[in-house]
Amino acid sequence: MDLWFEKSLGDGLLAWEPLDQIKQHFLSAYVRNGKPEDMAVFMRHESEGRLHCEVKVYFPPASSVVANELGAEPCPRPSQDGLSLLAGAEESWSVLFQESAE
């Protein structure tokens, strides 16, 4: 269950509109699917030594349909460092990162 998806939204100063669009698109699918705990969208501001940060969103395997609809690319599960929940249940943290907590 390690195949996640990521999408770069570019400069953090310009990412708020795409973030809102992703959140709305996700929430529609999330409700349609009965709000499963393993379905979520996470985000992180990543700077990698640059002046401006880049915003990336991460989709777990249960959100793969939404990820594919939005053009996200496969990636390994992200680390929890600096990650925040964009949309989905708070319980998704413990469901999706349970190995990290041990």
C-alpha atoms as a PDB file:
ATOM      1  CA  MET A   1       0.000   0.000   0.000  1.00  0.00           C
ATOM      2  CA  ASP A   2       2.940   2.305  -0.669  1.00  0.00           C
ATOM      3  CA  LEU A   3       1.888   3.777  -4.039  1.00  0.00           C
ATOM      4  CA  TRP A   4       0.936   7.355  -3.377  1.00  0.00           C
ATOM      5  CA  PHE A   5       0.531  10.227  -5.842  1.00  0.00           C
ATOM      6  CA  GLU A   6       1.903  13.766  -5.843  1.00  0.00           C
ATOM      7  CA  LYS A   7       1.163  16.915  -7.749  1.00  0.00           C
ATOM      8  CA  SER A   8       3.284  20.042  -7.708  1.00  0.00           C
ATOM      9  CA  LEU A   9       1.359  23.301  -7.646  1.00  0.00           C
ATOM     10  CA  GLY A  10       4.419  25.488  -8.074  1.00  0.00           C
ATOM     11  CA  ASP A  11       5.117  28.681  -6.151  1.00  0.00           C
ATOM     12  CA  GLY A  12       3.485  28.761  -2.745  1.00  0.00           C
ATOM     13  CA  LEU A  13       2.330  32.339  -3.262  1.00  0.00           C
ATOM     14  CA  LEU A  14       0.235  31.286  -6.263  1.00  0.00           C
ATOM     15  CA  ALA A  15      -1.008  27.899  -5.071  1.00  0.00           C
ATOM     16  CA  TRP A  16      -4.101  28.891  -3.076  1.00  0.00           C
ATOM     17  CA  GLU A  17      -6.550  28.802  -5.960  1.00  0.00           C
ATOM     18  CA  PRO A  18      -5.407  25.375  -7.241  1.00  0.00           C
ATOM     19  CA  LEU A  19      -5.443  24.090  -3.634  1.00  0.00           C
ATOM     20  CA  ASP A  20      -9.060  25.164  -3.272  1.00  0.00           C
ATOM     21  CA  GLN A  21      -9.978  23.506  -6.583  1.00  0.00           C
ATOM     22  CA  ILE A  22      -8.270  20.261  -5.527  1.00  0.00           C
ATOM     23  CA  LYS A  23     -10.017  20.348  -2.162  1.00  0.00           C
ATOM     24  CA  GLN A  24     -13.444  20.843  -3.747  1.00  0.00           C
ATOM     25  CA  HIS A  25     -12.840  18.092  -6.327  1.00  0.00           C
ATOM     26  CA  PHE A  26     -11.656  15.725  -3.596  1.00  0.00           C
ATOM     27  CA  LEU A  27     -14.540  16.484  -1.210  1.00  0.00           C
ATOM     28  CA  SER A  28     -17.077  15.612  -3.885  1.00  0.00           C
ATOM     29  CA  ALA A  29     -15.478  12.172  -4.394  1.00  0.00           C
ATOM     30  CA  TYR A  30     -14.923  11.742  -0.648  1.00  0.00           C
ATOM     31  CA  VAL A  31     -18.608  12.208   0.170  1.00  0.00           C
ATOM     32  CA  ARG A  32     -19.665  10.022  -2.776  1.00  0.00           C
ATOM     33  CA  ASN A  33     -17.480   7.209  -1.409  1.00  0.00           C
ATOM     34  CA  GLY A  34     -18.855   7.400   2.133  1.00  0.00           C
ATOM     35  CA  LYS A  35     -15.988   9.401   3.703  1.00  0.00           C
ATOM     36  CA  PRO A  36     -13.506   6.539   4.177  1.00  0.00           C
ATOM     37  CA  GLU A  37     -10.748   7.133   6.734  1.00  0.00           C
ATOM     38  CA  ASP A  38      -7.989   6.159   4.292  1.00  0.00           C
ATOM     39  CA  MET A  39      -9.081   8.722   1.693  1.00  0.00           C
ATOM     40  CA  ALA A  40      -7.410  12.121   2.146  1.00  0.00           C
ATOM     41  CA  VAL A  41      -5.288  14.826   0.540  1.00  0.00           C
ATOM     42  CA  PHE A  42      -2.162  16.170   2.237  1.00  0.00           C
ATOM     43  CA  MET A  43      -0.026  19.166   1.378  1.00  0.00           C
ATOM     44  CA  ARG A  44       3.451  20.467   2.101  1.00  0.00           C
ATOM     45  CA  HIS A  45       5.438  23.619   1.390  1.00  0.00           C
ATOM     46  CA  GLU A  46       8.856  22.484   0.160  1.00  0.00           C
ATOM     47  CA  SER A  47      11.759  24.880  -0.313  1.00  0.00           C
ATOM     48  CA  GLU A  48      14.757  22.618  -1.016  1.00  0.00           C
ATOM     49  CA  GLY A  49      17.101  25.567  -0.454  1.00  0.00           C
ATOM     50  CA  ARG A  50      15.305  27.934  -2.841  1.00  0.00           C
ATOM     51  CA  LEU A  51      14.071  31.401  -1.950  1.00  0.00           C
ATOM     52  CA  HIS A  52      10.424  30.554  -2.702  1.00  0.00           C
ATOM     53  CA  CYS A  53       8.715  27.379  -1.630  1.00  0.00           C
ATOM     54  CA  GLU A  54       6.847  24.975  -3.855  1.00  0.00           C
ATOM     55  CA  VAL A  55       3.519  23.511  -2.782  1.00  0.00           C
ATOM     56  CA  LYS A  56       2.972  19.802  -3.331  1.00  0.00           C
ATOM     57  CA  VAL A  57      -0.151  17.792  -2.660  1.00  0.00           C
ATOM     58  CA  TYR A  58      -0.088  14.088  -1.841  1.00  0.00           C
ATOM     59  CA  PHE A  59      -2.812  11.529  -2.381  1.00  0.00           C
ATOM     60  CA  PRO A  60      -2.827   8.129  -0.629  1.00  0.00           C
ATOM     61  CA  PRO A  61      -3.817   4.972  -2.551  1.00  0.00           C
ATOM     62  CA  ALA A  62      -7.524   5.311  -1.642  1.00  0.00           C
ATOM     63  CA  SER A  63      -7.539   8.719  -3.365  1.00  0.00           C
ATOM     64  CA  SER A  64      -5.959   7.391  -6.575  1.00  0.00           C
ATOM     65  CA  VAL A  65      -8.993   8.088  -8.773  1.00  0.00           C
ATOM     66  CA  VAL A  66      -8.995  11.758  -7.736  1.00  0.00           C
ATOM     67  CA  ALA A  67      -5.201  11.889  -8.100  1.00  0.00           C
ATOM     68  CA  ASN A  68      -5.395  10.541 -11.650  1.00  0.00           C
ATOM     69  CA  GLU A  69      -8.197  12.946 -12.569  1.00  0.00           C
ATOM     70  CA  LEU A  70      -5.982  15.818 -11.420  1.00  0.00           C
ATOM     71  CA  GLY A  71      -2.862  14.604 -13.228  1.00  0.00           C
ATOM     72  CA  ALA A  72      -0.864  13.567 -10.147  1.00  0.00           C
ATOM     73  CA  GLU A  73       2.154  11.283 -10.587  1.00  0.00           C
ATOM     74  CA  PRO A  74       2.963   8.107  -8.618  1.00  0.00           C
ATOM     75  CA  CYS A  75       5.404   8.526  -5.733  1.00  0.00           C
ATOM     76  CA  PRO A  76       6.410   6.782  -2.510  1.00  0.00           C
ATOM     77  CA  ARG A  77       4.527   7.603   0.683  1.00  0.00           C
ATOM     78  CA  PRO A  78       5.740  11.040   1.877  1.00  0.00           C
ATOM     79  CA  SER A  79       7.277  11.555   5.283  1.00  0.00           C
ATOM     80  CA  GLN A  80       5.051  13.252   7.841  1.00  0.00           C
ATOM     81  CA  ASP A  81       7.554  16.081   8.361  1.00  0.00           C
ATOM     82  CA  GLY A  82       5.880  19.360   7.432  1.00  0.00           C
ATOM     83  CA  LEU A  83       2.832  17.581   6.016  1.00  0.00           C
ATOM     84  CA  SER A  84      -0.639  18.950   6.716  1.00  0.00           C
ATOM     85  CA  LEU A  85      -4.091  17.587   5.992  1.00  0.00           C
ATOM     86  CA  LEU A  86      -5.789  19.521   3.190  1.00  0.00           C
ATOM     87  CA  ALA A  87      -8.980  17.450   3.160  1.00  0.00           C
ATOM     88  CA  GLY A  88     -10.289  14.231   4.658  1.00  0.00           C
ATOM     89  CA  ALA A  89     -10.757  12.858   8.170  1.00  0.00           C
ATOM     90  CA  GLU A  90      -8.276  13.568  10.971  1.00  0.00           C
ATOM     91  CA  GLU A  91      -8.256   9.789  11.525  1.00  0.00           C
ATOM     92  CA  SER A  92      -6.480   9.399   8.187  1.00  0.00           C
ATOM     93  CA  TRP A  93      -3.203  10.282   9.963  1.00  0.00           C
ATOM     94  CA  SER A  94      -3.278   7.161  12.123  1.00  0.00           C
ATOM     95  CA  VAL A  95      -4.657   4.965   9.344  1.00  0.00           C
ATOM     96  CA  LEU A  96      -2.135   6.039   6.689  1.00  0.00           C
ATOM     97  CA  PHE A  97       0.943   6.605   8.828  1.00  0.00           C
ATOM     98  CA  GLN A  98       0.545   3.875  11.445  1.00  0.00           C
ATOM     99  CA  GLU A  99       3.939   2.317  10.650  1.00  0.00           C
ATOM    100  CA  SER A 100       5.604   5.712  11.160  1.00  0.00           C
ATOM    101  CA  ALA A 101       4.127   6.026  14.648  1.00  0.00           C
ATOM    102  CA  GLU A 102       5.619   2.744  15.866  1.00  0.00           C
END
